[in-house]
Amino acid sequence: MAEVVQSYQKHVRWLPPFHFFVIPVLLANVFVSAWRIWQAPTLGTVFGLVVAAALLMLGLLSRVQAVTVQDRVIRLEMRLRLRQLLPADLQPRINDLTHRQLVSLRFASDAELPDLVRDVLAGKLTTSKEIKMRVKNWQADWLRA
């Protein structure tokens, strides 16, 4: 069986049970609850909509919290990695990188990381997409939330 290769085009992490079952079911529940209010507005149907919205919010917030923790770990990992790989003139500027830039740089190989960081700090690469598009030797991250 051929090994799956990760790249810019294929690096988005989909968790099928969450993205294609849990969230759609919770969203459908909100619509059904709203439809019930339209059909028979009572205190019970209004409360049903509130609970449905709370469940959907719970599902979405669980994903946001997992990704937030993941990004914090990535930022720590990248700062440690940059301390090892960057030349002396760039090391004092590690904290000038934003969290979005650090998260985007994680896909770069050790060899290309110093040049990418130099370009990011010089303002040549400003968005996450631009940074990721410049990565030539993509380092896959299969352990993402």
Protein backbone atom coordinates (compact mmCIF):
# COMPACT_ATOMS: atom_id res chain seq x y z
CA MET A 1 0.00 0.00 0.00
CA ALA A 2 1.39 3.41 -0.97
CA GLU A 3 2.22 5.80 1.86
CA VAL A 4 0.01 8.87 2.01
CA VAL A 5 1.98 12.08 1.46
CA GLN A 6 1.02 15.27 3.23
CA SER A 7 1.32 18.57 1.37
CA TYR A 8 -0.20 22.04 1.42
CA GLN A 9 -3.10 20.76 -0.68
CA LYS A 10 -3.69 17.78 1.64
CA HIS A 11 -2.78 18.97 5.14
CA VAL A 12 -6.22 19.85 6.49
CA ARG A 13 -7.24 17.40 9.21
CA TRP A 14 -10.75 16.03 8.90
CA LEU A 15 -12.09 13.89 11.71
CA PRO A 16 -15.01 12.19 9.93
CA PRO A 17 -17.05 11.22 13.02
CA PHE A 18 -16.87 14.83 14.24
CA HIS A 19 -17.03 16.81 10.99
CA PHE A 20 -19.44 14.58 9.06
CA PHE A 21 -21.64 13.13 11.82
CA VAL A 22 -21.63 14.96 15.16
CA ILE A 23 -21.73 18.55 13.87
CA PRO A 24 -24.26 17.89 11.07
CA VAL A 25 -26.57 16.04 13.50
CA LEU A 26 -26.32 18.83 16.07
CA LEU A 27 -26.96 21.44 13.36
CA ALA A 28 -29.97 19.49 12.05
CA ASN A 29 -31.25 19.33 15.63
CA VAL A 30 -31.17 23.15 15.81
CA PHE A 31 -33.15 23.41 12.56
CA VAL A 32 -35.70 20.80 13.69
CA SER A 33 -36.09 22.60 17.02
CA ALA A 34 -36.62 25.92 15.23
CA TRP A 35 -39.16 24.27 12.91
CA ARG A 36 -41.04 22.94 15.97
CA ILE A 37 -41.26 26.49 17.34
CA TRP A 38 -42.69 27.61 14.01
CA GLN A 39 -45.26 24.79 14.08
CA ALA A 40 -46.25 25.00 17.75
CA PRO A 41 -44.68 27.82 19.74
CA THR A 42 -44.66 26.77 23.37
CA LEU A 43 -42.29 27.21 26.26
CA GLY A 44 -41.18 23.59 25.76
CA THR A 45 -40.29 24.07 22.08
CA VAL A 46 -38.41 27.29 22.84
CA PHE A 47 -36.44 25.51 25.55
CA GLY A 48 -35.78 22.65 23.10
CA LEU A 49 -34.21 25.18 20.70
CA VAL A 50 -32.07 26.64 23.48
CA VAL A 51 -30.82 23.16 24.41
CA ALA A 52 -30.18 22.32 20.74
CA ALA A 53 -28.18 25.53 20.29
CA ALA A 54 -26.24 24.81 23.49
CA LEU A 55 -25.35 21.30 22.26
CA LEU A 56 -24.17 22.67 18.91
CA MET A 57 -22.12 25.32 20.72
CA LEU A 58 -20.66 22.61 22.97
CA GLY A 59 -19.59 20.61 19.92
CA LEU A 60 -18.00 23.62 18.23
CA LEU A 61 -16.28 24.84 21.40
CA SER A 62 -14.81 21.40 22.03
CA ARG A 63 -13.09 21.61 18.65
CA VAL A 64 -11.93 25.20 19.23
CA GLN A 65 -10.47 24.27 22.62
CA ALA A 66 -8.63 21.23 21.23
CA VAL A 67 -7.14 23.28 18.39
CA THR A 68 -6.18 26.09 20.79
CA VAL A 69 -4.26 23.67 23.02
CA GLN A 70 -2.67 22.10 19.95
CA ASP A 71 -1.53 25.52 18.71
CA ARG A 72 0.03 26.32 22.10
CA VAL A 73 2.02 23.09 21.98
CA ILE A 74 3.07 23.80 18.39
CA ARG A 75 4.24 27.30 19.35
CA LEU A 76 6.34 25.90 22.19
CA GLU A 77 7.74 23.17 19.95
CA MET A 78 8.58 25.68 17.21
CA ARG A 79 10.32 28.08 19.61
CA LEU A 80 12.52 25.23 20.84
CA ARG A 81 13.19 24.08 17.28
CA LEU A 82 14.03 27.62 16.13
CA ARG A 83 16.48 28.07 19.02
CA GLN A 84 18.37 25.05 17.70
CA LEU A 85 18.20 25.84 13.98
CA LEU A 86 18.35 29.60 13.51
CA PRO A 87 21.62 31.47 13.10
CA ALA A 88 22.66 33.76 15.95
CA ASP A 89 21.38 36.93 14.21
CA LEU A 90 17.79 35.57 14.01
CA GLN A 91 17.50 33.98 17.44
CA PRO A 92 16.68 37.22 19.30
CA ARG A 93 13.76 37.73 16.89
CA ILE A 94 12.00 34.40 17.55
CA ASN A 95 9.45 36.13 19.77
CA ASP A 96 8.65 38.56 16.94
CA LEU A 97 6.93 35.71 15.09
CA THR A 98 3.17 35.58 15.61
CA HIS A 99 1.44 32.41 16.69
CA ARG A 100 -0.06 31.99 13.19
CA GLN A 101 3.41 32.29 11.64
CA LEU A 102 4.87 29.74 14.07
CA VAL A 103 2.03 27.30 13.38
CA SER A 104 2.56 27.70 9.62
CA LEU A 105 6.33 27.29 9.82
CA ARG A 106 6.04 23.90 11.53
CA PHE A 107 5.70 22.16 8.16
CA ALA A 108 9.09 23.39 6.92
CA SER A 109 12.13 21.14 6.96
CA ASP A 110 15.08 22.03 9.18
CA ALA A 111 17.15 23.04 6.15
CA GLU A 112 14.67 25.58 4.78
CA LEU A 113 13.42 26.95 8.09
CA PRO A 114 16.07 29.70 8.58
CA ASP A 115 15.43 31.21 5.13
CA LEU A 116 11.66 31.09 5.62
CA VAL A 117 11.94 32.76 9.02
CA ARG A 118 14.16 35.45 7.51
CA ASP A 119 11.53 36.12 4.81
CA VAL A 120 8.69 36.16 7.35
CA LEU A 121 10.54 38.62 9.61
CA ALA A 122 11.40 40.79 6.59
CA GLY A 123 7.70 41.00 5.72
CA LYS A 124 8.01 39.06 2.45
CA LEU A 125 5.60 36.37 3.71
CA THR A 126 2.64 37.70 5.65
CA THR A 127 -0.10 35.07 5.63
CA SER A 128 -0.20 31.46 6.76
CA LYS A 129 -1.02 30.44 3.20
CA GLU A 130 2.01 32.26 1.77
CA ILE A 131 4.31 30.61 4.33
CA LYS A 132 2.94 27.14 3.69
CA MET A 133 3.07 27.60 -0.09
CA ARG A 134 6.81 28.38 0.14
CA VAL A 135 7.62 25.13 1.97
CA LYS A 136 9.49 22.88 -0.45
CA ASN A 137 10.20 19.86 1.75
CA TRP A 138 6.92 19.39 3.61
CA GLN A 139 7.24 17.81 7.06
CA ALA A 140 4.01 15.98 7.69
CA ASP A 141 2.14 16.42 10.96
CA TRP A 142 -0.11 13.38 11.44
CA LEU A 143 -0.72 13.89 15.16
CA ARG A 144 -2.95 16.95 14.96
CA ALA A 145 -6.24 17.38 16.78
